[in-house]
Amino acid sequence: MEAGAAPEPTLHDVARRAGVSPATVSRVLSGRGPGSRETSARVREAAVALGYRPPRRPVTPSLQHGVLAVVLPDLATPGVLELWRGCEAAAADRGLQLTVLTTSGRRDATSLLNTLVDRVDGFLLADGTLPDPAAAALGRVRPVALLGRPVMRECISVGGTEITPAARRLTDHLLQHGRQHLTFVGDPDATATLAQQYRGFRLAHAAAGIRLRRPPLRVPLTERGGIQVAQEVLHRRVKVDGIVCASDVTAVALVRSLQARGAIVPDQIGVVGIGDIRASRYLTPGLTTLRPVSAPIGRLGVARIHARILGQPQPETRLPAEFELVRRASCGCPAPRVEAHG
């Protein structure tokens, strides 16, 4: 300060002029606490009149706990396991610890994650875990990376969700086996993912010049849903020679139920699914399906959330969704003699 210059106003000067406590001035100017409109206006007017500027306090980004929470639907699906392994590898490279929470069958997932907020530095949320509003709310209090979920401005999005091309490829594979009377199992109006799967189903028909003959079977994607589909298909007079299931869980139950009712898979009806659950490879015939390739998304999720926590610049990178078509015998392909187990 130059000689003769007036001293810089302090927080106490603002408090005296506004007729409030220094703590109230701090809360109002930092936006940290509640206060009446009248008090807030008085404090801000006093600060402007005095030319008061709150001191800038340098913030050093750091990891408080060195722990990230990875939220997965389950640990039984190969695609989800691959996602976990990708997260695990990236965390090991950075000296981070991971805690995993599965949400399948849990109604208290949101409240449980809220109890972890003060014990972890960030969250990685896979598809099929928290509802979008809950994920967005979590992203407002801790860094959150979305793994294969739609973009939300409150969160870091690292994995694409577009499954239309893969669903088209899966349907086309079934059509190439000579099937021309296909049915889609799943409700396209239920989720964006199911809508994309059905769009791929329709695009494959359009490309092959085959007319869609029936609407989708809108059943729950559960074992019970698979049993229901078998009953409907076998009791209908409309011919069905191929079925595209939006879930392997439903597809496996469907195959078993068709066989129990005397139908021969794939000779009479070819069946394919999506997800590559463990039961898919042990089914007889083995289930042709789409396997998510998700380890790169897990690795990128950890890398980007770590950079965000440390305040490091990071490109807005998103990986496209990738799926491997796993050919087994349920579609009409020859049964493989040996299959690698992951």
Protein backbone atom coordinates (compact mmCIF):
# COMPACT_ATOMS: atom_id res chain seq x y z
CA MET A 1 0.00 0.00 0.00
CA GLU A 2 1.35 3.44 -0.91
CA ALA A 3 2.06 6.04 1.80
CA GLY A 4 -1.04 8.08 2.59
CA ALA A 5 -3.38 5.63 0.85
CA ALA A 6 -6.53 4.59 2.67
CA PRO A 7 -6.34 1.12 4.24
CA GLU A 8 -8.13 -1.71 2.45
CA PRO A 9 -11.61 -2.30 3.91
CA THR A 10 -11.95 -5.49 5.94
CA LEU A 11 -14.73 -7.96 6.56
CA HIS A 12 -15.25 -6.32 9.98
CA ASP A 13 -15.72 -2.93 8.30
CA VAL A 14 -18.48 -4.41 6.13
CA ALA A 15 -20.08 -6.02 9.20
CA ARG A 16 -20.13 -2.71 11.11
CA ARG A 17 -21.60 -0.80 8.15
CA ALA A 18 -24.28 -3.45 7.54
CA GLY A 19 -25.06 -3.88 11.24
CA VAL A 20 -24.47 -7.63 11.23
CA SER A 21 -21.84 -10.04 12.53
CA PRO A 22 -18.65 -10.83 10.58
CA ALA A 23 -19.87 -14.44 10.32
CA THR A 24 -23.02 -13.26 8.55
CA VAL A 25 -20.95 -11.23 6.10
CA SER A 26 -18.80 -14.29 5.36
CA ARG A 27 -21.84 -16.49 4.76
CA VAL A 28 -23.58 -13.98 2.51
CA LEU A 29 -20.56 -13.17 0.34
CA SER A 30 -19.50 -16.81 0.00
CA GLY A 31 -23.04 -18.03 -0.66
CA ARG A 32 -22.60 -20.77 1.95
CA GLY A 33 -25.54 -20.15 4.21
CA PRO A 34 -29.17 -19.07 4.35
CA GLY A 35 -30.15 -15.51 5.12
CA SER A 36 -33.01 -13.11 4.62
CA ARG A 37 -33.18 -11.13 1.41
CA GLU A 38 -33.01 -7.90 3.38
CA THR A 39 -29.87 -8.91 5.28
CA SER A 40 -28.16 -10.21 2.15
CA ALA A 41 -28.95 -6.99 0.27
CA ARG A 42 -27.63 -4.88 3.16
CA VAL A 43 -24.37 -6.83 3.31
CA ARG A 44 -23.79 -6.62 -0.44
CA GLU A 45 -24.57 -2.88 -0.51
CA ALA A 46 -22.09 -2.30 2.31
CA ALA A 47 -19.40 -4.33 0.53
CA VAL A 48 -19.90 -2.34 -2.68
CA ALA A 49 -19.94 1.01 -0.87
CA LEU A 50 -16.66 0.23 0.91
CA GLY A 51 -15.05 -1.38 -2.12
CA TYR A 52 -14.51 -4.59 -0.16
CA ARG A 53 -13.19 -7.62 -2.05
CA PRO A 54 -13.08 -11.00 -0.29
CA PRO A 55 -9.55 -12.39 -0.23
CA ARG A 56 -8.88 -15.09 -2.81
CA ARG A 57 -7.92 -18.30 -1.18
CA PRO A 58 -5.98 -20.66 -3.39
CA VAL A 59 -7.66 -24.03 -3.74
CA THR A 60 -5.36 -26.99 -4.15
CA PRO A 61 -7.25 -29.86 -5.76
CA SER A 62 -6.46 -33.13 -4.04
CA LEU A 63 -7.76 -36.57 -3.27
CA GLN A 64 -9.19 -36.61 0.22
CA HIS A 65 -9.60 -40.36 0.49
CA GLY A 66 -7.92 -41.94 -2.53
CA VAL A 67 -11.09 -43.98 -3.06
CA LEU A 68 -13.61 -44.11 -5.92
CA ALA A 69 -16.94 -45.93 -5.76
CA VAL A 70 -17.85 -48.06 -8.79
CA VAL A 71 -21.59 -48.69 -9.05
CA LEU A 72 -22.56 -51.70 -11.19
CA PRO A 73 -25.84 -53.52 -11.79
CA ASP A 74 -24.26 -56.89 -10.89
CA LEU A 75 -21.02 -58.86 -11.12
CA ALA A 76 -22.39 -61.78 -13.11
CA THR A 77 -22.51 -60.39 -16.65
CA PRO A 78 -19.32 -60.61 -18.74
CA GLY A 79 -19.75 -57.06 -20.04
CA VAL A 80 -20.10 -55.69 -16.51
CA LEU A 81 -17.13 -57.73 -15.30
CA GLU A 82 -15.06 -56.34 -18.16
CA LEU A 83 -16.12 -52.82 -17.19
CA TRP A 84 -15.00 -53.50 -13.60
CA ARG A 85 -11.64 -54.85 -14.77
CA GLY A 86 -11.07 -51.72 -16.84
CA CYS A 87 -11.79 -49.54 -13.80
CA GLU A 88 -9.55 -51.72 -11.65
CA ALA A 89 -6.59 -51.52 -14.05
CA ALA A 90 -6.79 -47.72 -14.35
CA ALA A 91 -7.16 -47.31 -10.58
CA ALA A 92 -4.08 -49.49 -9.94
CA ASP A 93 -2.04 -47.33 -12.34
CA ARG A 94 -2.96 -44.25 -10.28
CA GLY A 95 -2.66 -45.72 -6.79
CA LEU A 96 -6.41 -45.42 -6.20
CA GLN A 97 -8.63 -47.79 -4.27
CA LEU A 98 -12.05 -48.84 -5.51
CA THR A 99 -15.12 -49.83 -3.61
CA VAL A 100 -17.82 -51.61 -5.58
CA LEU A 101 -21.57 -51.53 -5.04
CA THR A 102 -24.07 -53.62 -7.01
CA THR A 103 -27.63 -52.37 -7.28
CA SER A 104 -29.49 -55.40 -8.64
CA GLY A 105 -32.34 -56.19 -6.26
CA ARG A 106 -31.57 -53.20 -4.01
CA ARG A 107 -34.23 -50.61 -3.41
CA ASP A 108 -31.98 -48.54 -1.15
CA ALA A 109 -29.17 -47.94 -3.69
CA THR A 110 -29.66 -44.17 -3.83
CA SER A 111 -29.69 -43.69 -0.07
CA LEU A 112 -26.73 -46.04 0.32
CA LEU A 113 -24.66 -44.04 -2.16
CA ASN A 114 -25.54 -40.85 -0.35
CA THR A 115 -23.97 -42.30 2.80
CA LEU A 116 -20.73 -42.82 0.83
CA VAL A 117 -20.42 -39.19 -0.29
CA ASP A 118 -18.15 -38.26 2.63
CA ARG A 119 -16.00 -41.39 2.26
CA VAL A 120 -15.10 -41.38 -1.43
CA ASP A 121 -13.69 -38.84 -3.88
CA GLY A 122 -16.03 -39.68 -6.74
CA PHE A 123 -18.39 -42.20 -8.33
CA LEU A 124 -18.45 -44.21 -11.54
CA LEU A 125 -22.00 -45.19 -12.48
CA ALA A 126 -22.75 -47.96 -14.97
CA ASP A 127 -25.97 -48.25 -16.93
CA GLY A 128 -28.86 -49.91 -15.13
CA THR A 129 -27.90 -48.66 -11.67
CA LEU A 130 -29.21 -45.29 -10.45
CA PRO A 131 -32.08 -43.40 -12.12
CA ASP A 132 -30.94 -40.32 -14.04
CA PRO A 133 -32.32 -37.78 -11.50
CA ALA A 134 -30.43 -39.51 -8.66
CA ALA A 135 -27.23 -39.64 -10.75
CA ALA A 136 -27.53 -35.93 -11.56
CA ALA A 137 -28.08 -35.08 -7.88
CA LEU A 138 -25.00 -37.10 -6.93
CA GLY A 139 -23.00 -35.28 -9.62
CA ARG A 140 -23.76 -31.96 -7.95
CA VAL A 141 -21.94 -32.96 -4.75
CA ARG A 142 -19.15 -35.26 -6.02
CA PRO A 143 -17.51 -35.90 -9.40
CA VAL A 144 -19.48 -38.61 -11.21
CA ALA A 145 -18.44 -40.46 -14.37
CA LEU A 146 -21.21 -42.10 -16.40
CA LEU A 147 -20.20 -45.42 -17.99
CA GLY A 148 -22.35 -46.18 -21.02
CA ARG A 149 -25.17 -43.85 -20.00
CA PRO A 150 -26.78 -40.83 -21.68
CA VAL A 151 -25.04 -37.47 -21.27
CA MET A 152 -25.96 -35.30 -18.26
CA ARG A 153 -24.42 -31.89 -17.70
CA GLU A 154 -23.86 -32.56 -13.99
CA CYS A 155 -21.64 -35.58 -14.74
CA ILE A 156 -18.68 -36.70 -16.84
CA SER A 157 -19.84 -38.88 -19.72
CA VAL A 158 -17.22 -41.31 -21.05
CA GLY A 159 -19.06 -44.11 -22.83
CA GLY A 160 -21.45 -44.12 -25.74
CA THR A 161 -24.87 -45.71 -25.43
CA GLU A 162 -25.75 -46.22 -29.09
CA ILE A 163 -26.62 -49.90 -29.61
CA THR A 164 -28.62 -49.48 -32.83
CA PRO A 165 -25.82 -50.65 -35.21
CA ALA A 166 -25.08 -53.71 -33.06
CA ALA A 167 -28.78 -54.65 -32.79
CA ARG A 168 -29.05 -54.28 -36.55
CA ARG A 169 -26.05 -56.58 -37.02
CA LEU A 170 -27.54 -59.16 -34.64
CA THR A 171 -30.90 -59.13 -36.46
CA ASP A 172 -29.18 -59.29 -39.84
CA HIS A 173 -27.26 -62.35 -38.67
CA LEU A 174 -30.52 -64.12 -37.88
CA LEU A 175 -32.00 -63.08 -41.24
CA GLN A 176 -28.94 -64.48 -43.02
CA HIS A 177 -29.87 -67.89 -41.65
CA GLY A 178 -32.98 -67.72 -43.83
CA ARG A 179 -35.38 -66.56 -41.12
CA GLN A 180 -38.00 -64.18 -42.43
CA HIS A 181 -40.64 -64.17 -39.71
CA LEU A 182 -38.92 -62.50 -36.77
CA THR A 183 -40.30 -61.12 -33.52
CA PHE A 184 -38.61 -58.60 -31.22
CA VAL A 185 -38.97 -59.17 -27.47
CA GLY A 186 -38.86 -56.00 -25.35
CA ASP A 187 -40.77 -52.75 -24.97
CA PRO A 188 -39.24 -49.99 -27.16
CA ASP A 189 -41.18 -47.37 -25.19
CA ALA A 190 -39.66 -48.43 -21.85
CA THR A 191 -36.10 -47.07 -22.22
CA ALA A 192 -33.90 -45.30 -24.75
CA THR A 193 -31.72 -48.43 -25.02
CA LEU A 194 -34.69 -50.65 -25.91
CA ALA A 195 -35.84 -48.08 -28.45
CA GLN A 196 -32.40 -48.23 -30.09
CA GLN A 197 -32.42 -52.03 -30.10
CA TYR A 198 -35.81 -52.09 -31.81
CA ARG A 199 -34.64 -49.46 -34.31
CA GLY A 200 -31.72 -51.73 -35.24
CA PHE A 201 -34.19 -54.61 -35.62
CA ARG A 202 -36.30 -52.53 -38.01
CA LEU A 203 -33.31 -51.23 -39.98
CA ALA A 204 -32.09 -54.79 -40.61
CA HIS A 205 -35.49 -55.70 -42.04
CA ALA A 206 -35.54 -52.61 -44.23
CA ALA A 207 -32.05 -53.31 -45.58
CA ALA A 208 -33.05 -56.91 -46.40
CA GLY A 209 -36.32 -55.82 -48.03
CA ILE A 210 -38.34 -57.86 -45.54
CA ARG A 211 -41.60 -56.45 -44.19
CA LEU A 212 -42.15 -56.38 -40.44
CA ARG A 213 -45.10 -58.66 -39.85
CA ARG A 214 -45.81 -58.19 -36.15
CA PRO A 215 -45.32 -55.66 -33.33
CA PRO A 216 -42.78 -56.26 -30.54
CA LEU A 217 -43.73 -58.50 -27.64
CA ARG A 218 -43.72 -56.04 -24.75
CA VAL A 219 -42.94 -58.36 -21.83
CA PRO A 220 -40.72 -57.79 -18.79
CA LEU A 221 -37.10 -58.73 -19.54
CA THR A 222 -37.09 -61.46 -16.90
CA GLU A 223 -37.22 -65.26 -16.79
CA ARG A 224 -40.99 -65.05 -16.41
CA GLY A 225 -41.08 -62.84 -19.51
CA GLY A 226 -39.24 -65.53 -21.48
CA ILE A 227 -41.74 -68.17 -20.41
CA GLN A 228 -44.60 -65.85 -21.41
CA VAL A 229 -43.07 -65.34 -24.88
CA ALA A 230 -42.76 -69.11 -25.41
CA GLN A 231 -46.42 -69.55 -24.56
CA GLU A 232 -47.52 -66.74 -26.88
CA VAL A 233 -45.36 -67.84 -29.82
CA LEU A 234 -46.41 -71.49 -29.68
CA HIS A 235 -50.09 -70.68 -29.26
CA ARG A 236 -50.21 -68.14 -32.08
CA ARG A 237 -51.26 -69.15 -35.56
CA VAL A 238 -48.88 -66.57 -37.04
CA LYS A 239 -45.59 -68.13 -38.09
CA VAL A 240 -42.48 -67.17 -36.09
CA ASP A 241 -39.11 -68.65 -37.08
CA GLY A 242 -36.77 -66.25 -35.27
CA ILE A 243 -36.76 -64.19 -32.06
CA VAL A 244 -34.51 -61.28 -31.09
CA CYS A 245 -34.55 -60.82 -27.30
CA ALA A 246 -33.41 -57.54 -25.76
CA SER A 247 -31.98 -59.47 -22.80
CA ASP A 248 -30.09 -62.74 -22.41
CA VAL A 249 -31.99 -63.47 -19.21
CA THR A 250 -35.24 -63.55 -21.16
CA ALA A 251 -33.65 -65.38 -24.11
CA VAL A 252 -32.27 -68.22 -21.95
CA ALA A 253 -35.64 -68.72 -20.22
CA LEU A 254 -37.35 -68.57 -23.62
CA VAL A 255 -35.15 -71.31 -25.13
CA ARG A 256 -35.65 -73.59 -22.13
CA SER A 257 -39.41 -72.98 -22.19
CA LEU A 258 -39.67 -73.61 -25.95
CA GLN A 259 -37.77 -76.87 -25.55
CA ALA A 260 -39.97 -77.94 -22.64
CA ARG A 261 -42.98 -77.51 -24.94
CA GLY A 262 -41.47 -79.61 -27.72
CA ALA A 263 -40.11 -76.87 -30.01
CA ILE A 264 -36.67 -77.48 -31.54
CA VAL A 265 -34.17 -74.61 -31.27
CA PRO A 266 -32.79 -73.58 -33.74
CA ASP A 267 -34.37 -75.88 -36.35
CA GLN A 268 -37.87 -74.50 -35.87
CA ILE A 269 -37.14 -71.20 -34.11
CA GLY A 270 -33.82 -69.37 -33.92
CA VAL A 271 -33.24 -67.27 -30.80
CA VAL A 272 -30.64 -64.55 -30.11
CA GLY A 273 -30.10 -62.27 -27.11
CA ILE A 274 -28.11 -59.32 -25.82
CA GLY A 275 -25.72 -59.24 -22.86
CA ASP A 276 -23.78 -62.53 -22.90
CA ILE A 277 -24.63 -63.62 -19.36
CA ARG A 278 -22.82 -66.72 -18.09
CA ALA A 279 -25.83 -68.98 -18.67
CA SER A 280 -25.72 -68.13 -22.39
CA ARG A 281 -22.65 -70.26 -23.02
CA TYR A 282 -23.87 -73.21 -20.96
CA LEU A 283 -27.29 -73.35 -22.57
CA THR A 284 -27.89 -76.14 -25.12
CA PRO A 285 -27.76 -74.92 -27.80
CA GLY A 286 -25.50 -72.04 -26.76
CA LEU A 287 -27.08 -68.61 -27.15
CA THR A 288 -25.92 -66.30 -29.93
CA THR A 289 -25.69 -62.83 -28.38
CA LEU A 290 -24.06 -59.41 -28.24
CA ARG A 291 -21.22 -59.01 -25.74
CA PRO A 292 -20.42 -55.43 -24.65
CA VAL A 293 -16.75 -54.48 -25.04
CA SER A 294 -16.52 -52.26 -21.98
CA ALA A 295 -13.02 -52.37 -20.42
CA PRO A 296 -11.85 -49.24 -22.33
CA ILE A 297 -14.85 -47.31 -21.01
CA GLY A 298 -13.97 -48.31 -17.43
CA ARG A 299 -10.34 -47.23 -17.90
CA LEU A 300 -11.33 -43.89 -19.40
CA GLY A 301 -13.88 -43.28 -16.66
CA VAL A 302 -11.27 -43.58 -13.91
CA ALA A 303 -8.77 -41.46 -15.86
CA ARG A 304 -11.23 -38.63 -16.42
CA ILE A 305 -12.67 -38.57 -12.92
CA HIS A 306 -9.14 -38.59 -11.45
CA ALA A 307 -8.16 -35.64 -13.65
CA ARG A 308 -11.33 -33.77 -12.65
CA ILE A 309 -10.59 -34.23 -8.94
CA LEU A 310 -7.02 -32.99 -9.38
CA GLY A 311 -8.14 -30.01 -11.44
CA GLN A 312 -6.20 -31.15 -14.48
CA PRO A 313 -7.33 -30.21 -18.00
CA GLN A 314 -9.02 -33.07 -19.79
CA PRO A 315 -10.48 -33.52 -23.27
CA GLU A 316 -14.19 -34.24 -23.48
CA THR A 317 -13.51 -37.77 -24.73
CA ARG A 318 -16.34 -40.26 -25.17
CA LEU A 319 -15.80 -43.77 -26.45
CA PRO A 320 -18.40 -45.26 -28.79
CA ALA A 321 -20.36 -48.24 -27.51
CA GLU A 322 -18.87 -51.44 -28.93
CA PHE A 323 -20.39 -54.92 -29.02
CA GLU A 324 -18.98 -58.24 -30.18
CA LEU A 325 -21.32 -60.63 -31.98
CA VAL A 326 -20.82 -63.98 -30.23
CA ARG A 327 -21.94 -66.77 -32.56
CA ARG A 328 -23.25 -69.92 -30.93
CA ALA A 329 -25.80 -72.50 -32.07
CA SER A 330 -29.15 -70.98 -31.07
CA CYS A 331 -29.35 -69.05 -34.36
CA GLY A 332 -28.35 -71.97 -36.58
CA CYS A 333 -24.57 -71.56 -36.51
CA PRO A 334 -22.51 -74.75 -35.95
CA ALA A 335 -21.91 -75.38 -32.26
CA PRO A 336 -18.28 -74.51 -31.31
CA ARG A 337 -16.25 -77.36 -29.89
CA VAL A 338 -14.29 -75.20 -27.46
CA GLU A 339 -15.17 -71.76 -26.12
CA ALA A 340 -12.82 -69.54 -24.11
CA HIS A 341 -14.22 -68.70 -20.70
CA GLY A 342 -13.74 -65.15 -19.41
